């Protein structure tokens, strides 16, 4: 994965980055765009999962956040 792509994923996945100040819907839309191959098959996918977990925490969806942090898709319950 190119360094610039991984840096962008890291920015979206870091809980205290300015990305987390954006509206929840916008964050979720952006993260979903990145949640596909080739990024979802690289080691950088952890940043997207962390970003999705952060959005779930902001929505008080604690079980979804737990699932994401265990690297499983909450839609596969």
PDB file of N, CA and C in Angstrom:
ATOM      1  N   UNK A   1       0.844  -1.166   0.000  1.00  0.00           N
ATOM      2  CA  UNK A   1       0.000   0.000   0.000  1.00  0.00           C
ATOM      3  C   UNK A   1       0.895   1.237   0.000  1.00  0.00           C
ATOM      4  N   UNK A   2       0.640   2.184  -0.895  1.00  0.00           N
ATOM      5  CA  UNK A   2       1.442   3.416  -0.911  1.00  0.00           C
ATOM      6  C   UNK A   2       1.332   4.168   0.415  1.00  0.00           C
ATOM      7  N   UNK A   3       2.422   4.811   0.782  1.00  0.00           N
ATOM      8  CA  UNK A   3       2.467   5.523   2.050  1.00  0.00           C
ATOM      9  C   UNK A   3       1.387   6.583   2.195  1.00  0.00           C
ATOM     10  N   UNK A   4       1.076   7.293   1.123  1.00  0.00           N
ATOM     11  CA  UNK A   4       0.046   8.337   1.186  1.00  0.00           C
ATOM     12  C   UNK A   4      -1.331   7.748   1.471  1.00  0.00           C
ATOM     13  N   UNK A   5      -1.610   6.594   0.898  1.00  0.00           N
ATOM     14  CA  UNK A   5      -2.897   5.931   1.124  1.00  0.00           C
ATOM     15  C   UNK A   5      -2.984   5.455   2.569  1.00  0.00           C
ATOM     16  N   UNK A   6      -1.908   4.848   3.055  1.00  0.00           N
ATOM     17  CA  UNK A   6      -1.903   4.385   4.436  1.00  0.00           C
ATOM     18  C   UNK A   6      -2.008   5.564   5.413  1.00  0.00           C
ATOM     19  N   UNK A   7      -1.377   6.679   5.091  1.00  0.00           N
ATOM     20  CA  UNK A   7      -1.470   7.867   5.944  1.00  0.00           C
ATOM     21  C   UNK A   7      -2.900   8.393   5.999  1.00  0.00           C
ATOM     22  N   UNK A   8      -3.597   8.372   4.869  1.00  0.00           N
ATOM     23  CA  UNK A   8      -5.001   8.814   4.846  1.00  0.00           C
ATOM     24  C   UNK A   8      -5.862   7.883   5.689  1.00  0.00           C
ATOM     25  N   UNK A   9      -5.650   6.576   5.566  1.00  0.00           N
ATOM     26  CA  UNK A   9      -6.400   5.610   6.363  1.00  0.00           C
ATOM     27  C   UNK A   9      -6.108   5.812   7.848  1.00  0.00           C
ATOM     28  N   UNK A  10      -4.854   6.066   8.189  1.00  0.00           N
ATOM     29  CA  UNK A  10      -4.470   6.301   9.582  1.00  0.00           C
ATOM     30  C   UNK A  10      -5.176   7.548  10.120  1.00  0.00           C
ATOM     31  N   UNK A  11      -5.251   8.598   9.310  1.00  0.00           N
ATOM     32  CA  UNK A  11      -5.914   9.834   9.716  1.00  0.00           C
ATOM     33  C   UNK A  11      -7.387   9.580  10.017  1.00  0.00           C
ATOM     34  N   UNK A  12      -8.034   8.747   9.189  1.00  0.00           N
ATOM     35  CA  UNK A  12      -9.458   8.458   9.403  1.00  0.00           C
ATOM     36  C   UNK A  12      -9.673   7.523  10.590  1.00  0.00           C
ATOM     37  N   UNK A  13      -8.677   6.729  10.922  1.00  0.00           N
ATOM     38  CA  UNK A  13      -8.833   5.765  12.005  1.00  0.00           C
ATOM     39  C   UNK A  13      -8.375   6.255  13.361  1.00  0.00           C
ATOM     40  N   UNK A  14      -7.672   7.383  13.407  1.00  0.00           N
ATOM     41  CA  UNK A  14      -7.187   7.911  14.680  1.00  0.00           C
ATOM     42  C   UNK A  14      -8.319   8.648  15.366  1.00  0.00           C
ATOM     43  N   UNK A  15      -8.652   8.212  16.569  1.00  0.00           N
ATOM     44  CA  UNK A  15      -9.835   8.714  17.271  1.00  0.00           C
ATOM     45  C   UNK A  15      -9.789  10.214  17.509  1.00  0.00           C
ATOM     46  N   UNK A  16      -8.623  10.750  17.808  1.00  0.00           N
ATOM     47  CA  UNK A  16      -8.528  12.169  18.139  1.00  0.00           C
ATOM     48  C   UNK A  16      -8.043  13.032  16.971  1.00  0.00           C
ATOM     49  N   UNK A  17      -8.236  12.571  15.756  1.00  0.00           N
ATOM     50  CA  UNK A  17      -7.860  13.387  14.598  1.00  0.00           C
ATOM     51  C   UNK A  17      -9.030  14.305  14.242  1.00  0.00           C
ATOM     52  N   UNK A  18      -8.787  15.328  13.448  1.00  0.00           N
ATOM     53  CA  UNK A  18      -9.884  16.206  13.013  1.00  0.00           C
ATOM     54  C   UNK A  18     -10.975  15.456  12.242  1.00  0.00           C
ATOM     55  N   UNK A  19     -10.636  14.292  11.692  1.00  0.00           N
ATOM     56  CA  UNK A  19     -11.646  13.484  10.995  1.00  0.00           C
ATOM     57  C   UNK A  19     -12.802  13.163  11.932  1.00  0.00           C
ATOM     58  N   UNK A  20     -12.508  12.891  13.194  1.00  0.00           N
ATOM     59  CA  UNK A  20     -13.537  12.553  14.172  1.00  0.00           C
ATOM     60  C   UNK A  20     -14.441  13.712  14.535  1.00  0.00           C
ATOM     61  N   UNK A  21     -14.075  14.920  14.132  1.00  0.00           N
ATOM     62  CA  UNK A  21     -14.920  16.090  14.382  1.00  0.00           C
ATOM     63  C   UNK A  21     -15.962  16.298  13.291  1.00  0.00           C
ATOM     64  N   UNK A  22     -15.812  15.575  12.193  1.00  0.00           N
ATOM     65  CA  UNK A  22     -16.775  15.678  11.104  1.00  0.00           C
ATOM     66  C   UNK A  22     -18.095  15.018  11.507  1.00  0.00           C
ATOM     67  N   UNK A  23     -19.188  15.376  10.848  1.00  0.00           N
ATOM     68  CA  UNK A  23     -20.467  14.715  11.152  1.00  0.00           C
ATOM     69  C   UNK A  23     -20.367  13.204  10.969  1.00  0.00           C
ATOM     70  N   UNK A  24     -21.075  12.492  11.811  1.00  0.00           N
ATOM     71  CA  UNK A  24     -21.031  11.024  11.813  1.00  0.00           C
ATOM     72  C   UNK A  24     -21.340  10.461  10.434  1.00  0.00           C
ATOM     73  N   UNK A  25     -22.382  10.958   9.789  1.00  0.00           N
ATOM     74  CA  UNK A  25     -22.783  10.436   8.482  1.00  0.00           C
ATOM     75  C   UNK A  25     -21.660  10.600   7.458  1.00  0.00           C
ATOM     76  N   UNK A  26     -20.981  11.745   7.461  1.00  0.00           N
ATOM     77  CA  UNK A  26     -19.881  11.980   6.530  1.00  0.00           C
ATOM     78  C   UNK A  26     -18.717  11.026   6.817  1.00  0.00           C
ATOM     79  N   UNK A  27     -18.384  10.864   8.092  1.00  0.00           N
ATOM     80  CA  UNK A  27     -17.311   9.926   8.465  1.00  0.00           C
ATOM     81  C   UNK A  27     -17.646   8.520   7.984  1.00  0.00           C
ATOM     82  N   UNK A  28     -18.859   8.100   8.249  1.00  0.00           N
ATOM     83  CA  UNK A  28     -19.266   6.754   7.863  1.00  0.00           C
ATOM     84  C   UNK A  28     -19.227   6.576   6.348  1.00  0.00           C
ATOM     85  N   UNK A  29     -19.709   7.563   5.619  1.00  0.00           N
ATOM     86  CA  UNK A  29     -19.666   7.482   4.154  1.00  0.00           C
ATOM     87  C   UNK A  29     -18.234   7.377   3.646  1.00  0.00           C
ATOM     88  N   UNK A  30     -17.341   8.179   4.192  1.00  0.00           N
ATOM     89  CA  UNK A  30     -15.936   8.147   3.769  1.00  0.00           C
ATOM     90  C   UNK A  30     -15.288   6.804   4.104  1.00  0.00           C
ATOM     91  N   UNK A  31     -15.527   6.318   5.305  1.00  0.00           N
ATOM     92  CA  UNK A  31     -14.926   5.040   5.714  1.00  0.00           C
ATOM     93  C   UNK A  31     -15.440   3.891   4.857  1.00  0.00           C
ATOM     94  N   UNK A  32     -16.716   3.911   4.518  1.00  0.00           N
ATOM     95  CA  UNK A  32     -17.282   2.844   3.674  1.00  0.00           C
ATOM     96  C   UNK A  32     -16.650   2.848   2.280  1.00  0.00           C
ATOM     97  N   UNK A  33     -16.299   4.040   1.777  1.00  0.00           N
ATOM     98  CA  UNK A  33     -15.619   4.103   0.475  1.00  0.00           C
ATOM     99  C   UNK A  33     -14.266   3.398   0.514  1.00  0.00           C
ATOM    100  N   UNK A  34     -13.620   3.439   1.652  1.00  0.00           N
ATOM    101  CA  UNK A  34     -12.279   2.855   1.798  1.00  0.00           C
ATOM    102  C   UNK A  34     -12.335   1.402   2.262  1.00  0.00           C
ATOM    103  N   UNK A  35     -13.494   0.923   2.645  1.00  0.00           N
ATOM    104  CA  UNK A  35     -13.637  -0.431   3.189  1.00  0.00           C
ATOM    105  C   UNK A  35     -13.850  -1.450   2.061  1.00  0.00           C
ATOM    106  N   UNK A  36     -12.929  -1.479   1.137  1.00  0.00           N
ATOM    107  CA  UNK A  36     -12.995  -2.407   0.008  1.00  0.00           C
ATOM    108  C   UNK A  36     -11.584  -2.669  -0.504  1.00  0.00           C
ATOM    109  N   UNK A  37     -11.420  -3.724  -1.290  1.00  0.00           N
ATOM    110  CA  UNK A  37     -10.086  -4.007  -1.822  1.00  0.00           C
ATOM    111  C   UNK A  37      -9.589  -2.857  -2.691  1.00  0.00           C
ATOM    112  N   UNK A  38      -8.332  -2.604  -2.726  1.00  0.00           N
ATOM    113  CA  UNK A  38      -7.238  -3.367  -2.131  1.00  0.00           C
ATOM    114  C   UNK A  38      -6.952  -3.005  -0.671  1.00  0.00           C
ATOM    115  N   UNK A  39      -7.500  -1.884  -0.188  1.00  0.00           N
ATOM    116  CA  UNK A  39      -7.187  -1.467   1.176  1.00  0.00           C
ATOM    117  C   UNK A  39      -7.693  -2.482   2.207  1.00  0.00           C
ATOM    118  N   UNK A  40      -8.883  -3.009   2.005  1.00  0.00           N
ATOM    119  CA  UNK A  40      -9.451  -3.943   2.975  1.00  0.00           C
ATOM    120  C   UNK A  40      -8.660  -5.246   3.062  1.00  0.00           C
ATOM    121  N   UNK A  41      -7.772  -5.490   2.098  1.00  0.00           N
ATOM    122  CA  UNK A  41      -6.952  -6.694   2.108  1.00  0.00           C
ATOM    123  C   UNK A  41      -5.519  -6.411   2.545  1.00  0.00           C
ATOM    124  N   UNK A  42      -5.249  -5.179   2.925  1.00  0.00           N
ATOM    125  CA  UNK A  42      -3.895  -4.809   3.346  1.00  0.00           C
ATOM    126  C   UNK A  42      -3.850  -4.640   4.863  1.00  0.00           C
ATOM    127  N   UNK A  43      -2.668  -4.449   5.380  1.00  0.00           N
ATOM    128  CA  UNK A  43      -2.535  -4.239   6.830  1.00  0.00           C
ATOM    129  C   UNK A  43      -3.115  -2.895   7.250  1.00  0.00           C
ATOM    130  N   UNK A  44      -3.284  -1.975   6.306  1.00  0.00           N
ATOM    131  CA  UNK A  44      -3.853  -0.660   6.609  1.00  0.00           C
ATOM    132  C   UNK A  44      -5.341  -0.745   6.932  1.00  0.00           C
ATOM    133  N   UNK A  45      -5.961  -1.909   6.709  1.00  0.00           N
ATOM    134  CA  UNK A  45      -7.384  -2.063   7.001  1.00  0.00           C
ATOM    135  C   UNK A  45      -7.695  -1.820   8.473  1.00  0.00           C
ATOM    136  N   UNK A  46      -6.699  -2.024   9.345  1.00  0.00           N
ATOM    137  CA  UNK A  46      -6.952  -1.811  10.781  1.00  0.00           C
ATOM    138  C   UNK A  46      -7.345  -0.372  11.055  1.00  0.00           C
ATOM    139  N   UNK A  47      -6.818   0.581  10.285  1.00  0.00           N
ATOM    140  CA  UNK A  47      -7.173   1.992  10.492  1.00  0.00           C
ATOM    141  C   UNK A  47      -8.622   2.251  10.118  1.00  0.00           C
ATOM    142  N   UNK A  48      -9.087   1.596   9.067  1.00  0.00           N
ATOM    143  CA  UNK A  48     -10.487   1.755   8.668  1.00  0.00           C
ATOM    144  C   UNK A  48     -11.389   1.117   9.718  1.00  0.00           C
ATOM    145  N   UNK A  49     -11.000  -0.050  10.222  1.00  0.00           N
ATOM    146  CA  UNK A  49     -11.787  -0.696  11.277  1.00  0.00           C
ATOM    147  C   UNK A  49     -11.821   0.166  12.538  1.00  0.00           C
ATOM    148  N   UNK A  50     -10.697   0.775  12.876  1.00  0.00           N
ATOM    149  CA  UNK A  50     -10.678   1.675  14.033  1.00  0.00           C
ATOM    150  C   UNK A  50     -11.568   2.895  13.800  1.00  0.00           C
ATOM    151  N   UNK A  51     -11.547   3.419  12.581  1.00  0.00           N
ATOM    152  CA  UNK A  51     -12.418   4.547  12.256  1.00  0.00           C
ATOM    153  C   UNK A  51     -13.882   4.169  12.362  1.00  0.00           C
ATOM    154  N   UNK A  52     -14.237   2.999  11.852  1.00  0.00           N
ATOM    155  CA  UNK A  52     -15.620   2.528  11.955  1.00  0.00           C
ATOM    156  C   UNK A  52     -16.011   2.283  13.421  1.00  0.00           C
ATOM    157  N   UNK A  53     -15.077   1.772  14.209  1.00  0.00           N
ATOM    158  CA  UNK A  53     -15.353   1.577  15.634  1.00  0.00           C
ATOM    159  C   UNK A  53     -15.558   2.923  16.325  1.00  0.00           C
ATOM    160  N   UNK A  54     -14.769   3.928  15.949  1.00  0.00           N
ATOM    161  CA  UNK A  54     -14.939   5.262  16.512  1.00  0.00           C
ATOM    162  C   UNK A  54     -16.305   5.844  16.186  1.00  0.00           C
ATOM    163  N   UNK A  55     -16.766   5.638  14.958  1.00  0.00           N
ATOM    164  CA  UNK A  55     -18.105   6.101  14.569  1.00  0.00           C
ATOM    165  C   UNK A  55     -19.159   5.353  15.379  1.00  0.00           C
ATOM    166  N   UNK A  56     -18.979   4.057  15.534  1.00  0.00           N
ATOM    167  CA  UNK A  56     -19.936   3.275  16.336  1.00  0.00           C
ATOM    168  C   UNK A  56     -19.989   3.783  17.778  1.00  0.00           C
ATOM    169  N   UNK A  57     -18.837   4.130  18.341  1.00  0.00           N
ATOM    170  CA  UNK A  57     -18.829   4.678  19.700  1.00  0.00           C
ATOM    171  C   UNK A  57     -19.559   6.012  19.758  1.00  0.00           C
ATOM    172  N   UNK A  58     -19.374   6.846  18.751  1.00  0.00           N
ATOM    173  CA  UNK A  58     -20.074   8.130  18.710  1.00  0.00           C
ATOM    174  C   UNK A  58     -21.578   7.933  18.617  1.00  0.00           C
ATOM    175  N   UNK A  59     -22.011   6.831  18.020  1.00  0.00           N
ATOM    176  CA  UNK A  59     -23.432   6.517  17.881  1.00  0.00           C
ATOM    177  C   UNK A  59     -23.958   5.696  19.065  1.00  0.00           C
ATOM    178  N   UNK A  60     -23.074   5.439  20.021  1.00  0.00           N
ATOM    179  CA  UNK A  60     -23.408   4.619  21.197  1.00  0.00           C
ATOM    180  C   UNK A  60     -23.796   3.188  20.820  1.00  0.00           C
ATOM    181  N   UNK A  61     -23.247   2.704  19.699  1.00  0.00           N
ATOM    182  CA  UNK A  61     -23.467   1.327  19.245  1.00  0.00           C
ATOM    183  C   UNK A  61     -22.292   0.497  19.757  1.00  0.00           C
ATOM    184  N   UNK A  62     -22.303   0.224  21.045  1.00  0.00           N
ATOM    185  CA  UNK A  62     -21.154  -0.384  21.703  1.00  0.00           C
ATOM    186  C   UNK A  62     -20.863  -1.805  21.221  1.00  0.00           C
ATOM    187  N   UNK A  63     -21.882  -2.571  20.928  1.00  0.00           N
ATOM    188  CA  UNK A  63     -21.658  -3.942  20.443  1.00  0.00           C
ATOM    189  C   UNK A  63     -21.032  -3.920  19.047  1.00  0.00           C
ATOM    190  N   UNK A  64     -21.468  -2.999  18.203  1.00  0.00           N
ATOM    191  CA  UNK A  64     -20.864  -2.873  16.871  1.00  0.00           C
ATOM    192  C   UNK A  64     -19.391  -2.485  16.996  1.00  0.00           C
ATOM    193  N   UNK A  65     -19.099  -1.568  17.907  1.00  0.00           N
ATOM    194  CA  UNK A  65     -17.701  -1.157  18.122  1.00  0.00           C
ATOM    195  C   UNK A  65     -16.878  -2.344  18.602  1.00  0.00           C
ATOM    196  N   UNK A  66     -17.413  -3.113  19.525  1.00  0.00           N
ATOM    197  CA  UNK A  66     -16.701  -4.291  20.029  1.00  0.00           C
ATOM    198  C   UNK A  66     -16.422  -5.278  18.903  1.00  0.00           C
ATOM    199  N   UNK A  67     -17.421  -5.507  18.068  1.00  0.00           N
ATOM    200  CA  UNK A  67     -17.261  -6.425  16.936  1.00  0.00           C
ATOM    201  C   UNK A  67     -16.173  -5.937  15.993  1.00  0.00           C
ATOM    202  N   UNK A  68     -16.187  -4.649  15.672  1.00  0.00           N
ATOM    203  CA  UNK A  68     -15.170  -4.086  14.786  1.00  0.00           C
ATOM    204  C   UNK A  68     -13.781  -4.190  15.388  1.00  0.00           C
ATOM    205  N   UNK A  69     -13.676  -3.972  16.663  1.00  0.00           N
ATOM    206  CA  UNK A  69     -12.370  -4.045  17.319  1.00  0.00           C
ATOM    207  C   UNK A  69     -11.847  -5.472  17.380  1.00  0.00           C
ATOM    208  N   UNK A  70     -12.747  -6.434  17.226  1.00  0.00           N
ATOM    209  CA  UNK A  70     -12.328  -7.835  17.142  1.00  0.00           C
ATOM    210  C   UNK A  70     -12.194  -8.276  15.692  1.00  0.00           C
ATOM    211  N   UNK A  71     -12.204  -7.267  14.767  1.00  0.00           N
ATOM    212  CA  UNK A  71     -11.958  -7.482  13.340  1.00  0.00           C
ATOM    213  C   UNK A  71     -13.001  -8.376  12.680  1.00  0.00           C
ATOM    214  N   UNK A  72     -14.252  -8.185  13.075  1.00  0.00           N
ATOM    215  CA  UNK A  72     -15.354  -8.874  12.419  1.00  0.00           C
ATOM    216  C   UNK A  72     -16.335  -7.829  11.927  1.00  0.00           C
ATOM    217  N   UNK A  73     -17.070  -8.180  10.931  1.00  0.00           N
ATOM    218  CA  UNK A  73     -18.046  -7.270  10.343  1.00  0.00           C
ATOM    219  C   UNK A  73     -19.330  -7.330  11.171  1.00  0.00           C
ATOM    220  N   UNK A  74     -19.835  -6.193  11.713  1.00  0.00           N
ATOM    221  CA  UNK A  74     -21.050  -6.232  12.520  1.00  0.00           C
ATOM    222  C   UNK A  74     -22.269  -6.645  11.714  1.00  0.00           C
ATOM    223  N   UNK A  75     -22.210  -6.550  10.397  1.00  0.00           N
ATOM    224  CA  UNK A  75     -23.351  -6.964   9.561  1.00  0.00           C
ATOM    225  C   UNK A  75     -23.410  -8.475   9.420  1.00  0.00           C
ATOM    226  N   UNK A  76     -22.418  -9.212   9.919  1.00  0.00           N
ATOM    227  CA  UNK A  76     -22.376 -10.679   9.813  1.00  0.00           C
ATOM    228  C   UNK A  76     -22.751 -11.343  11.117  1.00  0.00           C
ATOM    229  N   UNK A  77     -23.532 -10.711  11.947  1.00  0.00           N
ATOM    230  CA  UNK A  77     -23.873 -11.254  13.280  1.00  0.00           C
ATOM    231  C   UNK A  77     -24.505 -12.607  13.218  1.00  0.00           C
TER     232      UNK A  77
END
